[in-house]
PDB file of N, CA and C in Angstrom:
ATOM      1  N   MET A   1      -3.234 -39.399  60.346  1.00  0.00           N
ATOM      2  CA  MET A   1      -3.705 -38.743  59.646  1.00  0.00           C
ATOM      3  C   MET A   1      -2.899 -37.670  58.927  1.00  0.00           C
ATOM      4  N   SER A   2      -3.680 -37.358  57.326  1.00  0.00           N
ATOM      5  CA  SER A   2      -3.409 -36.804  56.331  1.00  0.00           C
ATOM      6  C   SER A   2      -4.354 -35.750  56.225  1.00  0.00           C
ATOM      7  N   PHE A   3      -4.272 -34.655  55.381  1.00  0.00           N
ATOM      8  CA  PHE A   3      -5.356 -33.757  55.092  1.00  0.00           C
ATOM      9  C   PHE A   3      -4.644 -32.842  54.086  1.00  0.00           C
ATOM     10  N   ALA A   4      -5.785 -32.112  53.490  1.00  0.00           N
ATOM     11  CA  ALA A   4      -5.615 -31.055  51.993  1.00  0.00           C
ATOM     12  C   ALA A   4      -6.090 -29.500  52.477  1.00  0.00           C
ATOM     13  N   ILE A   5      -5.203 -28.528  51.723  1.00  0.00           N
ATOM     14  CA  ILE A   5      -5.512 -27.762  51.861  1.00  0.00           C
ATOM     15  C   ILE A   5      -5.522 -27.057  50.567  1.00  0.00           C
ATOM     16  N   THR A   6      -6.431 -26.394  49.787  1.00  0.00           N
ATOM     17  CA  THR A   6      -6.955 -26.146  48.745  1.00  0.00           C
ATOM     18  C   THR A   6      -7.216 -24.476  49.052  1.00  0.00           C
ATOM     19  N   LEU A   7      -6.331 -23.626  48.451  1.00  0.00           N
ATOM     20  CA  LEU A   7      -6.495 -22.212  48.081  1.00  0.00           C
ATOM     21  C   LEU A   7      -6.771 -21.530  46.979  1.00  0.00           C
ATOM     22  N   ALA A   8      -7.521 -21.022  47.027  1.00  0.00           N
ATOM     23  CA  ALA A   8      -8.318 -20.885  45.589  1.00  0.00           C
ATOM     24  C   ALA A   8      -8.284 -18.935  45.827  1.00  0.00           C
ATOM     25  N   ARG A   9      -9.005 -18.441  44.388  1.00  0.00           N
ATOM     26  CA  ARG A   9      -9.528 -17.118  44.282  1.00  0.00           C
ATOM     27  C   ARG A   9     -10.183 -16.946  43.042  1.00  0.00           C
ATOM     28  N   PRO A  10     -11.041 -16.018  42.700  1.00  0.00           N
ATOM     29  CA  PRO A  10     -11.705 -15.987  41.583  1.00  0.00           C
ATOM     30  C   PRO A  10     -10.923 -15.473  40.499  1.00  0.00           C
ATOM     31  N   ALA A  11     -11.130 -15.818  39.608  1.00  0.00           N
ATOM     32  CA  ALA A  11     -10.228 -15.665  38.210  1.00  0.00           C
ATOM     33  C   ALA A  11     -10.789 -15.819  37.113  1.00  0.00           C
ATOM     34  N   LEU A  12     -10.731 -14.457  36.622  1.00  0.00           N
ATOM     35  CA  LEU A  12     -11.571 -13.799  35.162  1.00  0.00           C
ATOM     36  C   LEU A  12     -11.597 -15.150  34.137  1.00  0.00           C
ATOM     37  N   MET A  13     -12.547 -14.983  33.349  1.00  0.00           N
ATOM     38  CA  MET A  13     -13.267 -15.692  32.182  1.00  0.00           C
ATOM     39  C   MET A  13     -13.024 -14.538  30.804  1.00  0.00           C
ATOM     40  N   PHE A  14     -12.741 -15.363  30.264  1.00  0.00           N
ATOM     41  CA  PHE A  14     -12.718 -13.852  28.746  1.00  0.00           C
ATOM     42  C   PHE A  14     -13.468 -14.900  27.579  1.00  0.00           C
ATOM     43  N   ASN A  15     -14.337 -14.225  26.555  1.00  0.00           N
ATOM     44  CA  ASN A  15     -15.130 -14.989  25.917  1.00  0.00           C
ATOM     45  C   ASN A  15     -13.914 -14.789  24.814  1.00  0.00           C
ATOM     46  N   SER A  16     -13.387 -15.704  24.426  1.00  0.00           N
ATOM     47  CA  SER A  16     -12.135 -15.673  23.466  1.00  0.00           C
ATOM     48  C   SER A  16     -12.705 -15.116  21.903  1.00  0.00           C
ATOM     49  N   GLU A  17     -13.806 -15.500  21.664  1.00  0.00           N
ATOM     50  CA  GLU A  17     -13.944 -15.182  20.559  1.00  0.00           C
ATOM     51  C   GLU A  17     -14.565 -13.617  19.813  1.00  0.00           C
ATOM     52  N   ALA A  18     -15.409 -12.683  21.308  1.00  0.00           N
ATOM     53  CA  ALA A  18     -15.449 -11.302  21.171  1.00  0.00           C
ATOM     54  C   ALA A  18     -14.073 -10.658  21.562  1.00  0.00           C
ATOM     55  N   ILE A  19     -13.314 -10.989  21.578  1.00  0.00           N
ATOM     56  CA  ILE A  19     -11.877 -10.371  21.994  1.00  0.00           C
ATOM     57  C   ILE A  19     -11.439 -10.608  20.719  1.00  0.00           C
ATOM     58  N   ILE A  20     -11.124 -11.760  19.877  1.00  0.00           N
ATOM     59  CA  ILE A  20     -10.823 -12.138  19.025  1.00  0.00           C
ATOM     60  C   ILE A  20     -11.602 -10.969  17.494  1.00  0.00           C
ATOM     61  N   SER A  21     -12.925 -11.001  17.977  1.00  0.00           N
ATOM     62  CA  SER A  21     -13.550  -9.864  17.050  1.00  0.00           C
ATOM     63  C   SER A  21     -12.862  -8.909  16.810  1.00  0.00           C
ATOM     64  N   LEU A  22     -12.650  -8.062  18.272  1.00  0.00           N
ATOM     65  CA  LEU A  22     -12.386  -6.766  18.684  1.00  0.00           C
ATOM     66  C   LEU A  22     -11.193  -6.128  17.467  1.00  0.00           C
ATOM     67  N   PHE A  23     -10.393  -7.213  17.509  1.00  0.00           N
ATOM     68  CA  PHE A  23      -9.182  -6.932  16.418  1.00  0.00           C
ATOM     69  C   PHE A  23      -9.084  -7.618  15.098  1.00  0.00           C
ATOM     70  N   ALA A  24     -10.206  -8.054  14.479  1.00  0.00           N
ATOM     71  CA  ALA A  24     -10.866  -8.423  13.026  1.00  0.00           C
ATOM     72  C   ALA A  24     -10.071  -9.674  12.753  1.00  0.00           C
ATOM     73  N   GLY A  25     -10.018 -10.961  13.849  1.00  0.00           N
ATOM     74  CA  GLY A  25      -9.345 -12.052  14.084  1.00  0.00           C
ATOM     75  C   GLY A  25      -8.043 -11.846  14.392  1.00  0.00           C
ATOM     76  N   ASP A  26      -7.165 -10.979  14.379  1.00  0.00           N
ATOM     77  CA  ASP A  26      -6.085 -11.157  14.943  1.00  0.00           C
ATOM     78  C   ASP A  26      -5.943 -11.817  16.543  1.00  0.00           C
ATOM     79  N   LYS A  27      -5.349 -12.920  16.401  1.00  0.00           N
ATOM     80  CA  LYS A  27      -5.161 -13.783  17.823  1.00  0.00           C
ATOM     81  C   LYS A  27      -3.836 -13.383  18.070  1.00  0.00           C
ATOM     82  N   THR A  28      -3.029 -13.191  17.620  1.00  0.00           N
ATOM     83  CA  THR A  28      -2.158 -12.256  18.905  1.00  0.00           C
ATOM     84  C   THR A  28      -2.241 -10.973  19.687  1.00  0.00           C
ATOM     85  N   PHE A  29      -3.117 -10.078  18.524  1.00  0.00           N
ATOM     86  CA  PHE A  29      -3.876  -9.053  19.631  1.00  0.00           C
ATOM     87  C   PHE A  29      -4.303  -9.319  20.518  1.00  0.00           C
ATOM     88  N   ALA A  30      -5.374 -10.568  20.345  1.00  0.00           N
ATOM     89  CA  ALA A  30      -6.329 -10.690  21.062  1.00  0.00           C
ATOM     90  C   ALA A  30      -5.680 -11.302  22.546  1.00  0.00           C
ATOM     91  N   HIS A  31      -4.724 -11.995  22.463  1.00  0.00           N
ATOM     92  CA  HIS A  31      -4.195 -13.004  23.450  1.00  0.00           C
ATOM     93  C   HIS A  31      -3.248 -12.275  24.281  1.00  0.00           C
ATOM     94  N   ASN A  32      -2.346 -11.036  23.562  1.00  0.00           N
ATOM     95  CA  ASN A  32      -2.301  -9.418  24.450  1.00  0.00           C
ATOM     96  C   ASN A  32      -2.900  -9.105  24.921  1.00  0.00           C
ATOM     97  N   LEU A  33      -3.933  -8.788  24.279  1.00  0.00           N
ATOM     98  CA  LEU A  33      -5.103  -7.864  25.457  1.00  0.00           C
ATOM     99  C   LEU A  33      -5.722  -9.448  26.439  1.00  0.00           C
ATOM    100  N   LYS A  34      -5.674 -10.398  26.512  1.00  0.00           N
ATOM    101  CA  LYS A  34      -5.993 -11.027  27.585  1.00  0.00           C
ATOM    102  C   LYS A  34      -4.971 -11.154  28.338  1.00  0.00           C
ATOM    103  N   THR A  35      -3.593 -11.230  27.842  1.00  0.00           N
ATOM    104  CA  THR A  35      -2.789 -11.244  29.324  1.00  0.00           C
ATOM    105  C   THR A  35      -2.257  -9.676  29.942  1.00  0.00           C
ATOM    106  N   TYR A  36      -2.642  -8.778  29.374  1.00  0.00           N
ATOM    107  CA  TYR A  36      -2.825  -7.598  30.092  1.00  0.00           C
ATOM    108  C   TYR A  36      -4.186  -7.343  30.994  1.00  0.00           C
ATOM    109  N   LEU A  37      -4.560  -8.150  30.770  1.00  0.00           N
ATOM    110  CA  LEU A  37      -6.029  -7.894  31.609  1.00  0.00           C
ATOM    111  C   LEU A  37      -5.763  -8.227  32.807  1.00  0.00           C
ATOM    112  N   LEU A  38      -5.398  -9.752  32.571  1.00  0.00           N
ATOM    113  CA  LEU A  38      -4.479 -10.763  33.737  1.00  0.00           C
ATOM    114  C   LEU A  38      -3.866 -10.603  33.893  1.00  0.00           C
ATOM    115  N   SER A  39      -2.800  -9.496  34.344  1.00  0.00           N
ATOM    116  CA  SER A  39      -2.106  -9.289  34.552  1.00  0.00           C
ATOM    117  C   SER A  39      -2.482  -7.702  35.995  1.00  0.00           C
ATOM    118  N   LYS A  40      -3.217  -7.599  35.496  1.00  0.00           N
ATOM    119  CA  LYS A  40      -3.707  -6.115  36.234  1.00  0.00           C
ATOM    120  C   LYS A  40      -4.780  -6.600  37.463  1.00  0.00           C
ATOM    121  N   ASP A  41      -4.502  -5.952  38.854  1.00  0.00           N
ATOM    122  CA  ASP A  41      -4.761  -5.764  39.935  1.00  0.00           C
ATOM    123  C   ASP A  41      -6.341  -6.239  39.529  1.00  0.00           C
ATOM    124  N   GLN A  42      -7.862  -7.450  39.927  1.00  0.00           N
ATOM    125  CA  GLN A  42      -9.030  -7.693  39.526  1.00  0.00           C
ATOM    126  C   GLN A  42      -9.917  -6.589  40.121  1.00  0.00           C
ATOM    127  N   LEU A  43      -9.188  -6.129  41.212  1.00  0.00           N
ATOM    128  CA  LEU A  43     -10.719  -4.999  41.881  1.00  0.00           C
ATOM    129  C   LEU A  43      -9.809  -3.405  41.232  1.00  0.00           C
ATOM    130  N   ASN A  44      -9.178  -2.968  41.218  1.00  0.00           N
ATOM    131  CA  ASN A  44      -8.375  -2.092  39.855  1.00  0.00           C
ATOM    132  C   ASN A  44      -9.072  -2.084  38.238  1.00  0.00           C
ATOM    133  N   LEU A  45      -9.069  -3.586  38.342  1.00  0.00           N
ATOM    134  CA  LEU A  45      -9.595  -3.422  36.929  1.00  0.00           C
ATOM    135  C   LEU A  45     -10.936  -3.324  37.153  1.00  0.00           C
ATOM    136  N   LYS A  46     -11.739  -3.830  37.832  1.00  0.00           N
ATOM    137  CA  LYS A  46     -13.051  -3.331  37.845  1.00  0.00           C
ATOM    138  C   LYS A  46     -13.752  -2.424  37.683  1.00  0.00           C
ATOM    139  N   PHE A  47     -12.966  -1.087  38.729  1.00  0.00           N
ATOM    140  CA  PHE A  47     -12.645   0.086  38.966  1.00  0.00           C
ATOM    141  C   PHE A  47     -13.105   0.842  37.370  1.00  0.00           C
ATOM    142  N   GLU A  48     -11.763   0.436  37.054  1.00  0.00           N
ATOM    143  CA  GLU A  48     -11.435   0.945  35.631  1.00  0.00           C
ATOM    144  C   GLU A  48     -12.717   1.059  34.407  1.00  0.00           C
ATOM    145  N   PHE A  49     -13.069  -0.074  34.565  1.00  0.00           N
ATOM    146  CA  PHE A  49     -14.640  -0.866  33.849  1.00  0.00           C
ATOM    147  C   PHE A  49     -15.759  -0.187  34.381  1.00  0.00           C
ATOM    148  N   GLU A  50     -15.658   0.317  35.535  1.00  0.00           N
ATOM    149  CA  GLU A  50     -16.893   0.711  36.140  1.00  0.00           C
ATOM    150  C   GLU A  50     -16.647   2.734  36.197  1.00  0.00           C
ATOM    151  N   ASP A  51     -15.532   3.328  36.178  1.00  0.00           N
ATOM    152  CA  ASP A  51     -15.050   4.349  35.796  1.00  0.00           C
ATOM    153  C   ASP A  51     -15.618   4.893  34.098  1.00  0.00           C
ATOM    154  N   GLY A  52     -15.254   3.681  33.509  1.00  0.00           N
ATOM    155  CA  GLY A  52     -15.402   3.899  31.696  1.00  0.00           C
ATOM    156  C   GLY A  52     -16.901   3.571  30.811  1.00  0.00           C
ATOM    157  N   ASN A  53     -17.841   3.491  32.186  1.00  0.00           N
ATOM    158  CA  ASN A  53     -19.021   3.336  31.803  1.00  0.00           C
ATOM    159  C   ASN A  53     -19.224   1.829  31.045  1.00  0.00           C
ATOM    160  N   GLY A  54     -18.388   0.889  31.536  1.00  0.00           N
ATOM    161  CA  GLY A  54     -18.454  -0.500  30.664  1.00  0.00           C
ATOM    162  C   GLY A  54     -17.361  -0.746  29.793  1.00  0.00           C
ATOM    163  N   LYS A  55     -16.708   0.342  29.958  1.00  0.00           N
ATOM    164  CA  LYS A  55     -15.499   0.467  29.180  1.00  0.00           C
ATOM    165  C   LYS A  55     -13.926   0.501  29.736  1.00  0.00           C
ATOM    166  N   ILE A  56     -12.766  -0.060  28.990  1.00  0.00           N
ATOM    167  CA  ILE A  56     -11.560   0.483  29.235  1.00  0.00           C
ATOM    168  C   ILE A  56     -11.024   0.455  28.174  1.00  0.00           C
ATOM    169  N   LYS A  57      -9.816   1.516  28.425  1.00  0.00           N
ATOM    170  CA  LYS A  57      -9.283   2.291  27.382  1.00  0.00           C
ATOM    171  C   LYS A  57      -7.430   1.297  27.618  1.00  0.00           C
ATOM    172  N   ASP A  58      -7.553   0.641  26.432  1.00  0.00           N
ATOM    173  CA  ASP A  58      -6.233  -0.511  26.518  1.00  0.00           C
ATOM    174  C   ASP A  58      -4.917   0.562  25.682  1.00  0.00           C
ATOM    175  N   ASP A  59      -4.245   1.325  25.845  1.00  0.00           N
ATOM    176  CA  ASP A  59      -2.978   2.366  25.320  1.00  0.00           C
ATOM    177  C   ASP A  59      -2.172   1.885  25.881  1.00  0.00           C
ATOM    178  N   SER A  60      -1.800   0.851  26.468  1.00  0.00           N
ATOM    179  CA  SER A  60      -0.128   0.801  26.756  1.00  0.00           C
ATOM    180  C   SER A  60       0.482  -0.607  26.469  1.00  0.00           C
ATOM    181  N   ILE A  61      -0.103  -1.513  25.782  1.00  0.00           N
ATOM    182  CA  ILE A  61       0.549  -2.799  24.774  1.00  0.00           C
ATOM    183  C   ILE A  61       0.840  -2.062  23.756  1.00  0.00           C
ATOM    184  N   GLU A  62       2.283  -1.999  23.738  1.00  0.00           N
ATOM    185  CA  GLU A  62       3.647  -2.375  22.853  1.00  0.00           C
ATOM    186  C   GLU A  62       2.801  -3.050  21.505  1.00  0.00           C
ATOM    187  N   GLN A  63       3.068  -2.159  20.271  1.00  0.00           N
ATOM    188  CA  GLN A  63       2.577  -2.266  19.353  1.00  0.00           C
ATOM    189  C   GLN A  63       1.152  -3.141  18.819  1.00  0.00           C
ATOM    190  N   GLN A  64       1.022  -2.455  19.023  1.00  0.00           N
ATOM    191  CA  GLN A  64      -0.801  -3.093  19.334  1.00  0.00           C
ATOM    192  C   GLN A  64      -1.604  -1.894  19.069  1.00  0.00           C
ATOM    193  N   PRO A  65      -2.503  -2.027  18.213  1.00  0.00           N
ATOM    194  CA  PRO A  65      -3.630  -0.773  17.929  1.00  0.00           C
ATOM    195  C   PRO A  65      -4.293  -0.540  19.765  1.00  0.00           C
ATOM    196  N   ALA A  66      -4.213   1.101  20.214  1.00  0.00           N
ATOM    197  CA  ALA A  66      -4.836   1.116  20.946  1.00  0.00           C
ATOM    198  C   ALA A  66      -6.431   1.421  21.044  1.00  0.00           C
ATOM    199  N   GLY A  67      -7.165   1.495  21.961  1.00  0.00           N
ATOM    200  CA  GLY A  67      -8.995   1.926  21.740  1.00  0.00           C
ATOM    201  C   GLY A  67      -9.320   1.156  22.861  1.00  0.00           C
ATOM    202  N   GLU A  68     -11.152   1.149  22.951  1.00  0.00           N
ATOM    203  CA  GLU A  68     -11.722   1.702  23.947  1.00  0.00           C
ATOM    204  C   GLU A  68     -12.303  -0.066  23.952  1.00  0.00           C
ATOM    205  N   LYS A  69     -12.201  -1.006  24.815  1.00  0.00           N
ATOM    206  CA  LYS A  69     -13.058  -2.068  24.887  1.00  0.00           C
ATOM    207  C   LYS A  69     -13.900  -2.054  25.866  1.00  0.00           C
ATOM    208  N   SER A  70     -14.878  -3.060  25.396  1.00  0.00           N
ATOM    209  CA  SER A  70     -15.734  -3.258  26.172  1.00  0.00           C
ATOM    210  C   SER A  70     -16.450  -4.558  26.765  1.00  0.00           C
TER     211      SER A  70
END
């Protein structure tokens, strides 16, 4: 007898082109933002977007321009 177990959880999906456009085409900054967002707890991230009326302020990424992202 054999069986398989699959563990899954919801995952964030990004519109990469939209994120790249936030940084005027700079793919490094876009990648940094995606990595930052993926590192955060999803529930807390959801609350941050809700508290900011659909926007989040990212000012904690080193060597990257800060600003509001929607």
